[in-house]
Amino acid sequence: METKHSEYHYKSEKSDTVIVFVHGIQGSPLQFDFLIETLKESYSIENLLLPGHGKTVREFIKSNIVQWQSYVDERVEKLQEEYKNIILVGHSMGCLLSVQSAITNPQNIRGLFLIAMPLNIHISYPFIKNNLIVAFSKNDRTEIIAAARNGNSISASNPFKYLGGAPRYVELLKKSKTKREHFKKLELPMIIVQSANDEIVSNKFLHHVEKMHNIKVVIASNSGHYFYSQEAKEHISKILMDFIAEMTKGC
């Protein structure tokens, strides 16, 4: 499904469950297309576009992480008035926003599905290389580059203008650190999907959470921060469908 970096909304008349998708920093609702396609109109969908995203780097710089969090919180609060069951699905920074929203507004939230949870962040050479290719070239040399471009909703007439967004990444790092302890105290059922070859999110934190009774950890093989192999997509999609069914059973 092609959304061109715009929000996507679908209301199912036969379900009292809504799935809320929250992308990461400079991210796009497009990143969740493969998951939404598998839901087959079984549930209502809210695929959000955060403020300052889907536009130019100038609008992105004017936004900030406080606005992004408020946007998610406000949408969740409205959905709580309409739906009996809410499942939050986040990617990267979207995981942090989803966790905070679940802490602030726990009503009717049945579970969290967190992809590339950035509790430990490391900047690798492949990540820098791929982002430079996306910024300075229009040629999608590999599937990994194509996925990285697809996951970037911020445009710039001059690639060097992206440097102006550095303060937003500093905010992300601060939020990541503050969420580590909050995350461990959150008792909602959670599934964490981490890629074996993630270029920016370290899996070092997993040993702190994998023994928690409310958390299931899934490792996506042959996948990175933006790129997921077809096998991984199918596996993650099935896990999400099973998770939603389990969390809403009897509710």
C-alpha atoms as a PDB file:
ATOM      1  CA  MET A   1       0.000   0.000   0.000  1.00  0.00           C
ATOM      2  CA  GLU A   2       1.394   3.406  -0.951  1.00  0.00           C
ATOM      3  CA  THR A   3       0.763   6.236   1.484  1.00  0.00           C
ATOM      4  CA  LYS A   4       3.515   8.664   0.377  1.00  0.00           C
ATOM      5  CA  HIS A   5       4.515   9.650   3.908  1.00  0.00           C
ATOM      6  CA  SER A   6       0.994  10.506   4.975  1.00  0.00           C
ATOM      7  CA  GLU A   7      -1.187   9.229   7.777  1.00  0.00           C
ATOM      8  CA  TYR A   8      -3.380   6.247   7.137  1.00  0.00           C
ATOM      9  CA  HIS A   9      -6.689   5.656   8.935  1.00  0.00           C
ATOM     10  CA  TYR A  10      -9.049   2.744   8.652  1.00  0.00           C
ATOM     11  CA  LYS A  11     -12.114   2.169  10.806  1.00  0.00           C
ATOM     12  CA  SER A  12     -13.407  -1.385  11.109  1.00  0.00           C
ATOM     13  CA  GLU A  13     -17.100  -1.490  11.872  1.00  0.00           C
ATOM     14  CA  LYS A  14     -16.803  -5.062  13.159  1.00  0.00           C
ATOM     15  CA  SER A  15     -14.009  -4.575  15.695  1.00  0.00           C
ATOM     16  CA  ASP A  16     -13.581  -2.736  19.005  1.00  0.00           C
ATOM     17  CA  THR A  17      -9.797  -2.898  18.634  1.00  0.00           C
ATOM     18  CA  VAL A  18      -7.510  -0.266  17.109  1.00  0.00           C
ATOM     19  CA  ILE A  19      -3.839  -0.733  16.210  1.00  0.00           C
ATOM     20  CA  VAL A  20      -1.763   2.459  16.518  1.00  0.00           C
ATOM     21  CA  PHE A  21       1.492   2.627  14.539  1.00  0.00           C
ATOM     22  CA  VAL A  22       4.177   5.146  15.557  1.00  0.00           C
ATOM     23  CA  HIS A  23       7.260   5.629  13.385  1.00  0.00           C
ATOM     24  CA  GLY A  24      10.713   6.794  14.459  1.00  0.00           C
ATOM     25  CA  ILE A  25      12.737   9.963  14.054  1.00  0.00           C
ATOM     26  CA  GLN A  26      12.686  11.161  10.417  1.00  0.00           C
ATOM     27  CA  GLY A  27      10.624   8.019   9.830  1.00  0.00           C
ATOM     28  CA  SER A  28       7.541   7.325   7.778  1.00  0.00           C
ATOM     29  CA  PRO A  29       4.195   5.508   8.064  1.00  0.00           C
ATOM     30  CA  LEU A  30       5.383   3.588   4.998  1.00  0.00           C
ATOM     31  CA  GLN A  31       7.579   1.487   7.268  1.00  0.00           C
ATOM     32  CA  PHE A  32       4.504  -0.327   8.586  1.00  0.00           C
ATOM     33  CA  ASP A  33       2.870  -1.150   5.248  1.00  0.00           C
ATOM     34  CA  PHE A  34       3.869  -4.814   5.342  1.00  0.00           C
ATOM     35  CA  LEU A  35       2.289  -5.202   8.775  1.00  0.00           C
ATOM     36  CA  ILE A  36      -0.906  -3.327   7.935  1.00  0.00           C
ATOM     37  CA  GLU A  37      -1.433  -5.423   4.821  1.00  0.00           C
ATOM     38  CA  THR A  38      -1.600  -8.597   6.934  1.00  0.00           C
ATOM     39  CA  LEU A  39      -4.310  -7.217   9.217  1.00  0.00           C
ATOM     40  CA  LYS A  40      -6.780  -7.612   6.323  1.00  0.00           C
ATOM     41  CA  GLU A  41      -9.196  -4.969   7.618  1.00  0.00           C
ATOM     42  CA  SER A  42      -9.783  -7.038  10.760  1.00  0.00           C
ATOM     43  CA  TYR A  43      -9.031  -4.110  13.057  1.00  0.00           C
ATOM     44  CA  SER A  44      -9.145  -0.332  12.939  1.00  0.00           C
ATOM     45  CA  ILE A  45      -5.816   1.260  11.999  1.00  0.00           C
ATOM     46  CA  GLU A  46      -4.185   4.542  13.012  1.00  0.00           C
ATOM     47  CA  ASN A  47      -0.849   4.901  11.208  1.00  0.00           C
ATOM     48  CA  LEU A  48       0.465   8.216  12.495  1.00  0.00           C
ATOM     49  CA  LEU A  49       2.698  10.850  10.911  1.00  0.00           C
ATOM     50  CA  LEU A  50       4.474  12.827  13.616  1.00  0.00           C
ATOM     51  CA  PRO A  51       4.628  16.656  13.481  1.00  0.00           C
ATOM     52  CA  GLY A  52       7.418  17.980  11.260  1.00  0.00           C
ATOM     53  CA  HIS A  53       7.618  14.723   9.314  1.00  0.00           C
ATOM     54  CA  GLY A  54       6.613  14.036   5.723  1.00  0.00           C
ATOM     55  CA  LYS A  55       7.905  17.498   4.814  1.00  0.00           C
ATOM     56  CA  THR A  56      11.216  19.301   4.390  1.00  0.00           C
ATOM     57  CA  VAL A  57      14.096  19.349   6.834  1.00  0.00           C
ATOM     58  CA  ARG A  58      13.116  22.924   7.685  1.00  0.00           C
ATOM     59  CA  GLU A  59       9.770  21.793   9.153  1.00  0.00           C
ATOM     60  CA  PHE A  60      11.483  18.861  10.852  1.00  0.00           C
ATOM     61  CA  ILE A  61      13.941  21.154  12.636  1.00  0.00           C
ATOM     62  CA  LYS A  62      11.079  23.320  13.900  1.00  0.00           C
ATOM     63  CA  SER A  63       9.420  20.326  15.562  1.00  0.00           C
ATOM     64  CA  ASN A  64      10.748  18.517  18.632  1.00  0.00           C
ATOM     65  CA  ILE A  65      10.365  15.361  20.674  1.00  0.00           C
ATOM     66  CA  VAL A  66       7.978  17.025  23.145  1.00  0.00           C
ATOM     67  CA  GLN A  67       5.579  17.790  20.292  1.00  0.00           C
ATOM     68  CA  TRP A  68       5.918  14.241  18.968  1.00  0.00           C
ATOM     69  CA  GLN A  69       5.092  12.766  22.369  1.00  0.00           C
ATOM     70  CA  SER A  70       2.140  15.099  22.838  1.00  0.00           C
ATOM     71  CA  TYR A  71       0.805  14.174  19.409  1.00  0.00           C
ATOM     72  CA  VAL A  72       0.857  10.455  20.224  1.00  0.00           C
ATOM     73  CA  ASP A  73      -0.652  11.021  23.679  1.00  0.00           C
ATOM     74  CA  GLU A  74      -3.487  13.147  22.317  1.00  0.00           C
ATOM     75  CA  ARG A  75      -4.352  10.594  19.641  1.00  0.00           C
ATOM     76  CA  VAL A  76      -4.308   7.737  22.132  1.00  0.00           C
ATOM     77  CA  GLU A  77      -6.548   9.677  24.533  1.00  0.00           C
ATOM     78  CA  LYS A  78      -9.132  10.195  21.786  1.00  0.00           C
ATOM     79  CA  LEU A  79      -8.994   6.554  20.744  1.00  0.00           C
ATOM     80  CA  GLN A  80      -9.540   5.469  24.351  1.00  0.00           C
ATOM     81  CA  GLU A  81     -12.970   7.090  24.203  1.00  0.00           C
ATOM     82  CA  GLU A  82     -13.915   5.013  21.171  1.00  0.00           C
ATOM     83  CA  TYR A  83     -12.152   1.659  21.432  1.00  0.00           C
ATOM     84  CA  LYS A  84     -12.155  -1.060  24.037  1.00  0.00           C
ATOM     85  CA  ASN A  85      -8.746  -2.393  23.019  1.00  0.00           C
ATOM     86  CA  ILE A  86      -5.649  -0.493  21.897  1.00  0.00           C
ATOM     87  CA  ILE A  87      -2.382  -2.057  20.720  1.00  0.00           C
ATOM     88  CA  LEU A  88       0.585   0.264  20.214  1.00  0.00           C
ATOM     89  CA  VAL A  89       3.145  -0.646  17.554  1.00  0.00           C
ATOM     90  CA  GLY A  90       6.322   1.420  17.459  1.00  0.00           C
ATOM     91  CA  HIS A  91       9.504   1.471  15.415  1.00  0.00           C
ATOM     92  CA  SER A  92      12.734   2.885  16.883  1.00  0.00           C
ATOM     93  CA  MET A  93      11.891   6.233  18.542  1.00  0.00           C
ATOM     94  CA  GLY A  94       8.235   5.314  18.050  1.00  0.00           C
ATOM     95  CA  CYS A  95       8.821   2.602  20.664  1.00  0.00           C
ATOM     96  CA  LEU A  96       9.866   5.217  23.230  1.00  0.00           C
ATOM     97  CA  LEU A  97       6.858   7.390  22.418  1.00  0.00           C
ATOM     98  CA  SER A  98       4.570   4.363  22.709  1.00  0.00           C
ATOM     99  CA  VAL A  99       6.046   3.314  26.061  1.00  0.00           C
ATOM    100  CA  GLN A 100       5.597   6.813  27.478  1.00  0.00           C
ATOM    101  CA  SER A 101       2.038   7.010  26.173  1.00  0.00           C
ATOM    102  CA  ALA A 102       1.214   3.657  27.783  1.00  0.00           C
ATOM    103  CA  ILE A 103       2.588   4.917  31.091  1.00  0.00           C
ATOM    104  CA  THR A 104       0.736   8.231  30.887  1.00  0.00           C
ATOM    105  CA  ASN A 105      -2.538   6.888  29.466  1.00  0.00           C
ATOM    106  CA  PRO A 106      -2.823   3.180  30.369  1.00  0.00           C
ATOM    107  CA  GLN A 107      -6.603   2.925  29.895  1.00  0.00           C
ATOM    108  CA  ASN A 108      -7.584   0.219  27.354  1.00  0.00           C
ATOM    109  CA  ILE A 109      -3.992  -0.335  26.204  1.00  0.00           C
ATOM    110  CA  ARG A 110      -3.633  -4.121  26.006  1.00  0.00           C
ATOM    111  CA  GLY A 111      -0.047  -4.451  24.840  1.00  0.00           C
ATOM    112  CA  LEU A 112       3.004  -3.007  23.105  1.00  0.00           C
ATOM    113  CA  PHE A 113       4.672  -4.333  19.963  1.00  0.00           C
ATOM    114  CA  LEU A 114       8.109  -2.697  19.814  1.00  0.00           C
ATOM    115  CA  ILE A 115      10.376  -2.944  16.770  1.00  0.00           C
ATOM    116  CA  ALA A 116      14.030  -1.835  17.027  1.00  0.00           C
ATOM    117  CA  MET A 117      13.625  -0.595  20.588  1.00  0.00           C
ATOM    118  CA  PRO A 118      16.395   2.047  21.013  1.00  0.00           C
ATOM    119  CA  LEU A 119      17.315   1.642  24.669  1.00  0.00           C
ATOM    120  CA  ASN A 120      20.971   1.322  23.661  1.00  0.00           C
ATOM    121  CA  ILE A 121      22.055   3.307  20.623  1.00  0.00           C
ATOM    122  CA  HIS A 122      25.324   2.916  18.731  1.00  0.00           C
ATOM    123  CA  ILE A 123      26.227   4.602  15.466  1.00  0.00           C
ATOM    124  CA  SER A 124      27.884   2.097  13.145  1.00  0.00           C
ATOM    125  CA  TYR A 125      29.811   2.660   9.934  1.00  0.00           C
ATOM    126  CA  PRO A 126      27.125   0.939   7.803  1.00  0.00           C
ATOM    127  CA  PHE A 127      24.508   3.298   9.252  1.00  0.00           C
ATOM    128  CA  ILE A 128      26.561   6.384   8.366  1.00  0.00           C
ATOM    129  CA  LYS A 129      27.392   5.007   4.917  1.00  0.00           C
ATOM    130  CA  ASN A 130      23.776   4.138   4.089  1.00  0.00           C
ATOM    131  CA  ASN A 131      22.503   7.534   5.205  1.00  0.00           C
ATOM    132  CA  LEU A 132      25.118   9.338   3.124  1.00  0.00           C
ATOM    133  CA  ILE A 133      24.055   7.341   0.077  1.00  0.00           C
ATOM    134  CA  VAL A 134      20.392   8.178   0.723  1.00  0.00           C
ATOM    135  CA  ALA A 135      21.238  11.873   1.145  1.00  0.00           C
ATOM    136  CA  PHE A 136      23.605  12.291  -1.814  1.00  0.00           C
ATOM    137  CA  SER A 137      22.343   9.734  -4.337  1.00  0.00           C
ATOM    138  CA  LYS A 138      18.992   8.906  -5.877  1.00  0.00           C
ATOM    139  CA  ASN A 139      20.150   5.438  -6.873  1.00  0.00           C
ATOM    140  CA  ASP A 140      18.845   2.587  -4.721  1.00  0.00           C
ATOM    141  CA  ARG A 141      21.885   0.341  -5.087  1.00  0.00           C
ATOM    142  CA  THR A 142      20.637  -2.337  -2.721  1.00  0.00           C
ATOM    143  CA  GLU A 143      17.455  -3.392  -0.936  1.00  0.00           C
ATOM    144  CA  ILE A 144      18.961  -1.975   2.254  1.00  0.00           C
ATOM    145  CA  ILE A 145      19.372   1.476   0.678  1.00  0.00           C
ATOM    146  CA  ALA A 146      15.843   1.329  -0.768  1.00  0.00           C
ATOM    147  CA  ALA A 147      14.438   0.478   2.675  1.00  0.00           C
ATOM    148  CA  ALA A 148      16.403   3.308   4.304  1.00  0.00           C
ATOM    149  CA  ARG A 149      15.075   5.768   1.723  1.00  0.00           C
ATOM    150  CA  ASN A 150      11.549   4.466   2.163  1.00  0.00           C
ATOM    151  CA  GLY A 151      11.905   4.995   5.911  1.00  0.00           C
ATOM    152  CA  ASN A 152      12.951   8.641   5.569  1.00  0.00           C
ATOM    153  CA  SER A 153      10.110  11.137   5.195  1.00  0.00           C
ATOM    154  CA  ILE A 154      12.285  14.268   5.406  1.00  0.00           C
ATOM    155  CA  SER A 155      13.427  15.936   2.194  1.00  0.00           C
ATOM    156  CA  ALA A 156      16.199  18.500   1.706  1.00  0.00           C
ATOM    157  CA  SER A 157      17.267  20.541  -1.314  1.00  0.00           C
ATOM    158  CA  ASN A 158      20.817  20.390   0.029  1.00  0.00           C
ATOM    159  CA  PRO A 159      21.894  17.244   1.901  1.00  0.00           C
ATOM    160  CA  PHE A 160      24.021  19.289   4.306  1.00  0.00           C
ATOM    161  CA  LYS A 161      20.822  20.843   5.660  1.00  0.00           C
ATOM    162  CA  TYR A 162      20.131  17.543   7.423  1.00  0.00           C
ATOM    163  CA  LEU A 163      22.839  18.560   9.900  1.00  0.00           C
ATOM    164  CA  GLY A 164      20.405  21.130  11.275  1.00  0.00           C
ATOM    165  CA  GLY A 165      18.381  18.264  12.719  1.00  0.00           C
ATOM    166  CA  ALA A 166      21.173  17.250  15.126  1.00  0.00           C
ATOM    167  CA  PRO A 167      19.382  18.732  18.201  1.00  0.00           C
ATOM    168  CA  ARG A 168      16.448  16.399  17.576  1.00  0.00           C
ATOM    169  CA  TYR A 169      18.797  13.417  17.812  1.00  0.00           C
ATOM    170  CA  VAL A 170      20.223  14.745  21.062  1.00  0.00           C
ATOM    171  CA  GLU A 171      16.654  14.814  22.394  1.00  0.00           C
ATOM    172  CA  LEU A 172      16.225  11.214  21.261  1.00  0.00           C
ATOM    173  CA  LEU A 173      19.363  10.103  23.115  1.00  0.00           C
ATOM    174  CA  LYS A 174      18.150  11.790  26.306  1.00  0.00           C
ATOM    175  CA  LYS A 175      14.722  10.178  26.038  1.00  0.00           C
ATOM    176  CA  SER A 176      16.311   6.792  25.435  1.00  0.00           C
ATOM    177  CA  LYS A 177      18.277   7.046  28.679  1.00  0.00           C
ATOM    178  CA  THR A 178      15.308   8.192  30.773  1.00  0.00           C
ATOM    179  CA  LYS A 179      13.090   5.430  29.437  1.00  0.00           C
ATOM    180  CA  ARG A 180      15.340   2.531  30.438  1.00  0.00           C
ATOM    181  CA  GLU A 181      14.129   2.338  34.029  1.00  0.00           C
ATOM    182  CA  HIS A 182      10.523   3.276  33.180  1.00  0.00           C
ATOM    183  CA  PHE A 183      10.468   0.524  30.571  1.00  0.00           C
ATOM    184  CA  LYS A 184      11.514  -2.124  33.079  1.00  0.00           C
ATOM    185  CA  LYS A 185       8.680  -1.118  35.417  1.00  0.00           C
ATOM    186  CA  LEU A 186       5.975  -1.280  32.747  1.00  0.00           C
ATOM    187  CA  GLU A 187       3.976  -4.459  33.297  1.00  0.00           C
ATOM    188  CA  LEU A 188       1.928  -4.486  30.097  1.00  0.00           C
ATOM    189  CA  PRO A 189       2.462  -7.477  27.799  1.00  0.00           C
ATOM    190  CA  MET A 190       5.168  -6.619  25.274  1.00  0.00           C
ATOM    191  CA  ILE A 191       6.872  -8.138  22.293  1.00  0.00           C
ATOM    192  CA  ILE A 192      10.256  -6.706  21.346  1.00  0.00           C
ATOM    193  CA  VAL A 193      11.459  -7.357  17.801  1.00  0.00           C
ATOM    194  CA  GLN A 194      15.153  -6.693  17.347  1.00  0.00           C
ATOM    195  CA  SER A 195      17.078  -7.169  14.111  1.00  0.00           C
ATOM    196  CA  ALA A 196      20.214  -9.294  14.180  1.00  0.00           C
ATOM    197  CA  ASN A 197      22.050  -6.742  12.014  1.00  0.00           C
ATOM    198  CA  ASP A 198      20.618  -3.450  13.277  1.00  0.00           C
ATOM    199  CA  GLU A 199      22.989  -0.638  12.296  1.00  0.00           C
ATOM    200  CA  ILE A 200      22.012   1.779  15.072  1.00  0.00           C
ATOM    201  CA  VAL A 201      20.231  -0.075  17.894  1.00  0.00           C
ATOM    202  CA  SER A 202      22.339  -2.311  20.103  1.00  0.00           C
ATOM    203  CA  ASN A 203      20.849  -5.524  21.473  1.00  0.00           C
ATOM    204  CA  LYS A 204      22.966  -5.337  24.635  1.00  0.00           C
ATOM    205  CA  PHE A 205      19.971  -4.352  26.753  1.00  0.00           C
ATOM    206  CA  LEU A 206      18.072  -7.550  25.915  1.00  0.00           C
ATOM    207  CA  HIS A 207      19.634  -9.567  28.726  1.00  0.00           C
ATOM    208  CA  HIS A 208      18.068  -7.093  31.172  1.00  0.00           C
ATOM    209  CA  VAL A 209      14.537  -7.699  29.904  1.00  0.00           C
ATOM    210  CA  GLU A 210      14.349 -11.129  28.296  1.00  0.00           C
ATOM    211  CA  LYS A 211      13.672 -12.777  31.666  1.00  0.00           C
ATOM    212  CA  MET A 212      10.812 -10.416  32.526  1.00  0.00           C
ATOM    213  CA  HIS A 213       7.525 -12.326  32.606  1.00  0.00           C
ATOM    214  CA  ASN A 214       5.643  -9.785  30.483  1.00  0.00           C
ATOM    215  CA  ILE A 215       8.175  -9.521  27.654  1.00  0.00           C
ATOM    216  CA  LYS A 216       8.875 -11.778  24.694  1.00  0.00           C
ATOM    217  CA  VAL A 217      11.965 -11.062  22.603  1.00  0.00           C
ATOM    218  CA  VAL A 218      12.079 -11.929  18.892  1.00  0.00           C
ATOM    219  CA  ILE A 219      15.245 -11.681  16.790  1.00  0.00           C
ATOM    220  CA  ALA A 220      14.726 -10.922  13.100  1.00  0.00           C
ATOM    221  CA  SER A 221      17.489 -12.592  11.100  1.00  0.00           C
ATOM    222  CA  ASN A 222      18.911 -11.125   7.881  1.00  0.00           C
ATOM    223  CA  SER A 223      17.456  -7.740   8.819  1.00  0.00           C
ATOM    224  CA  GLY A 224      18.618  -4.287   9.858  1.00  0.00           C
ATOM    225  CA  HIS A 225      17.156  -1.089  11.259  1.00  0.00           C
ATOM    226  CA  TYR A 226      15.061  -0.355   8.175  1.00  0.00           C
ATOM    227  CA  PHE A 227      15.466  -3.432   5.991  1.00  0.00           C
ATOM    228  CA  TYR A 228      13.603  -6.663   6.752  1.00  0.00           C
ATOM    229  CA  SER A 229      13.938  -9.741   4.581  1.00  0.00           C
ATOM    230  CA  GLN A 230      10.753 -11.202   3.176  1.00  0.00           C
ATOM    231  CA  GLU A 231      11.067 -14.110   5.564  1.00  0.00           C
ATOM    232  CA  ALA A 232      11.427 -11.718   8.499  1.00  0.00           C
ATOM    233  CA  LYS A 233       8.423  -9.670   7.354  1.00  0.00           C
ATOM    234  CA  GLU A 234       6.233 -12.740   7.225  1.00  0.00           C
ATOM    235  CA  HIS A 235       7.477 -13.903  10.618  1.00  0.00           C
ATOM    236  CA  ILE A 236       6.966 -10.506  12.282  1.00  0.00           C
ATOM    237  CA  SER A 237       3.518 -10.123  10.701  1.00  0.00           C
ATOM    238  CA  LYS A 238       2.378 -13.475  12.053  1.00  0.00           C
ATOM    239  CA  ILE A 239       3.714 -12.676  15.520  1.00  0.00           C
ATOM    240  CA  LEU A 240       1.833  -9.361  15.492  1.00  0.00           C
ATOM    241  CA  MET A 241      -1.426 -11.020  14.405  1.00  0.00           C
ATOM    242  CA  ASP A 242      -1.096 -13.676  17.115  1.00  0.00           C
ATOM    243  CA  PHE A 243      -0.216 -11.021  19.705  1.00  0.00           C
ATOM    244  CA  ILE A 244      -3.277  -8.905  18.882  1.00  0.00           C
ATOM    245  CA  ALA A 245      -5.563 -11.947  19.019  1.00  0.00           C
ATOM    246  CA  GLU A 246      -4.127 -12.998  22.361  1.00  0.00           C
ATOM    247  CA  MET A 247      -4.267  -9.527  23.923  1.00  0.00           C
ATOM    248  CA  THR A 248      -7.891  -8.938  22.881  1.00  0.00           C
ATOM    249  CA  LYS A 249      -9.228 -12.416  23.614  1.00  0.00           C
ATOM    250  CA  GLY A 250     -12.116 -12.225  26.067  1.00  0.00           C
ATOM    251  CA  CYS A 251     -11.897  -8.421  26.297  1.00  0.00           C
END
